[in-house]
Amino acid sequence: MKYFIGEFATLVSLSAHTLRYYEKEQLLIVERDTGGRRYYTEKDVTWILFIKKLKETGMSIKEIKKGQD
């Protein structure tokens, strides 16, 4: 299933601004449709929920990014 940013933000309880920030920080690699609109998949849902759990433990974005390397 594909979700556009507004519906994805609601689904994962984050703001569209936060999602764009995560994309800018390369925590998310977001697909785009032929019109250039971002869309997210079930894989992205799983990944964001994992990021949220890491954030709940007190990890910073910088630490999460370092763990991706």
C-alpha atoms as a PDB file:
ATOM      1  CA  MET A   1       0.000   0.000   0.000  1.00  0.00           C
ATOM      2  CA  LYS A   2       1.163   3.547  -0.723  1.00  0.00           C
ATOM      3  CA  TYR A   3       0.603   6.473   1.620  1.00  0.00           C
ATOM      4  CA  PHE A   4       1.080  10.112   0.755  1.00  0.00           C
ATOM      5  CA  ILE A   5       2.691  12.327   3.369  1.00  0.00           C
ATOM      6  CA  GLY A   6      -0.493  13.549   5.083  1.00  0.00           C
ATOM      7  CA  GLU A   7      -2.006  10.117   5.556  1.00  0.00           C
ATOM      8  CA  PHE A   8       1.370   8.631   6.490  1.00  0.00           C
ATOM      9  CA  ALA A   9       1.930  11.349   9.099  1.00  0.00           C
ATOM     10  CA  THR A  10      -1.440  10.524  10.648  1.00  0.00           C
ATOM     11  CA  LEU A  11      -0.743   6.781  10.524  1.00  0.00           C
ATOM     12  CA  VAL A  12       2.579   7.050  12.376  1.00  0.00           C
ATOM     13  CA  SER A  13       1.575  10.001  14.610  1.00  0.00           C
ATOM     14  CA  LEU A  14       4.275  12.353  13.369  1.00  0.00           C
ATOM     15  CA  SER A  15       3.995  15.678  11.618  1.00  0.00           C
ATOM     16  CA  ALA A  16       4.702  16.072   7.913  1.00  0.00           C
ATOM     17  CA  HIS A  17       7.441  18.493   8.968  1.00  0.00           C
ATOM     18  CA  THR A  18       9.120  15.769  11.039  1.00  0.00           C
ATOM     19  CA  LEU A  19       8.910  13.305   8.162  1.00  0.00           C
ATOM     20  CA  ARG A  20      10.533  15.824   5.818  1.00  0.00           C
ATOM     21  CA  TYR A  21      13.252  16.416   8.417  1.00  0.00           C
ATOM     22  CA  TYR A  22      13.919  12.668   8.695  1.00  0.00           C
ATOM     23  CA  GLU A  23      14.164  12.547   4.920  1.00  0.00           C
ATOM     24  CA  LYS A  24      16.598  15.487   4.900  1.00  0.00           C
ATOM     25  CA  GLU A  25      18.684  13.729   7.560  1.00  0.00           C
ATOM     26  CA  GLN A  26      18.583  10.579   5.408  1.00  0.00           C
ATOM     27  CA  LEU A  27      16.820   8.481   8.019  1.00  0.00           C
ATOM     28  CA  LEU A  28      14.163   7.828   5.398  1.00  0.00           C
ATOM     29  CA  ILE A  29      14.652   7.210   1.718  1.00  0.00           C
ATOM     30  CA  VAL A  30      11.318   8.299   0.281  1.00  0.00           C
ATOM     31  CA  GLU A  31       9.954   7.205  -3.058  1.00  0.00           C
ATOM     32  CA  ARG A  32       8.227   9.671  -5.344  1.00  0.00           C
ATOM     33  CA  ASP A  33       5.459   9.144  -7.875  1.00  0.00           C
ATOM     34  CA  THR A  34       5.561  10.417 -11.458  1.00  0.00           C
ATOM     35  CA  GLY A  35       4.202  13.758 -10.258  1.00  0.00           C
ATOM     36  CA  GLY A  36       7.020  14.113  -7.735  1.00  0.00           C
ATOM     37  CA  ARG A  37       4.824  13.494  -4.680  1.00  0.00           C
ATOM     38  CA  ARG A  38       6.382  11.600  -1.794  1.00  0.00           C
ATOM     39  CA  TYR A  39       4.850   8.278  -0.949  1.00  0.00           C
ATOM     40  CA  TYR A  40       5.533   5.808   1.800  1.00  0.00           C
ATOM     41  CA  THR A  41       5.098   2.041   2.016  1.00  0.00           C
ATOM     42  CA  GLU A  42       4.514  -0.543   4.744  1.00  0.00           C
ATOM     43  CA  LYS A  43       8.297  -0.908   4.970  1.00  0.00           C
ATOM     44  CA  ASP A  44       8.481   2.796   5.867  1.00  0.00           C
ATOM     45  CA  VAL A  45       5.816   2.295   8.554  1.00  0.00           C
ATOM     46  CA  THR A  46       7.942  -0.406  10.169  1.00  0.00           C
ATOM     47  CA  TRP A  47      11.092   1.723   9.943  1.00  0.00           C
ATOM     48  CA  ILE A  48       9.460   4.852  11.414  1.00  0.00           C
ATOM     49  CA  LEU A  49       7.981   2.873  14.294  1.00  0.00           C
ATOM     50  CA  PHE A  50      11.479   1.535  14.998  1.00  0.00           C
ATOM     51  CA  ILE A  51      12.936   5.054  14.898  1.00  0.00           C
ATOM     52  CA  LYS A  52      10.228   6.211  17.306  1.00  0.00           C
ATOM     53  CA  LYS A  53      11.158   3.393  19.726  1.00  0.00           C
ATOM     54  CA  LEU A  54      14.822   4.402  19.542  1.00  0.00           C
ATOM     55  CA  LYS A  55      13.864   8.029  20.220  1.00  0.00           C
ATOM     56  CA  GLU A  56      11.834   6.871  23.255  1.00  0.00           C
ATOM     57  CA  THR A  57      15.041   5.374  24.682  1.00  0.00           C
ATOM     58  CA  GLY A  58      16.685   8.775  24.443  1.00  0.00           C
ATOM     59  CA  MET A  59      18.720   8.192  21.296  1.00  0.00           C
ATOM     60  CA  SER A  60      19.376  11.277  19.220  1.00  0.00           C
ATOM     61  CA  ILE A  61      18.941  11.505  15.458  1.00  0.00           C
ATOM     62  CA  LYS A  62      22.721  11.663  15.194  1.00  0.00           C
ATOM     63  CA  GLU A  63      23.073   8.380  17.126  1.00  0.00           C
ATOM     64  CA  ILE A  64      20.380   6.697  15.025  1.00  0.00           C
ATOM     65  CA  LYS A  65      22.130   7.819  11.835  1.00  0.00           C
ATOM     66  CA  LYS A  66      25.461   6.507  13.144  1.00  0.00           C
ATOM     67  CA  GLY A  67      23.833   3.118  13.745  1.00  0.00           C
ATOM     68  CA  GLN A  68      22.747   2.970  10.092  1.00  0.00           C
ATOM     69  CA  ASP A  69      26.346   3.055   8.849  1.00  0.00           C
END
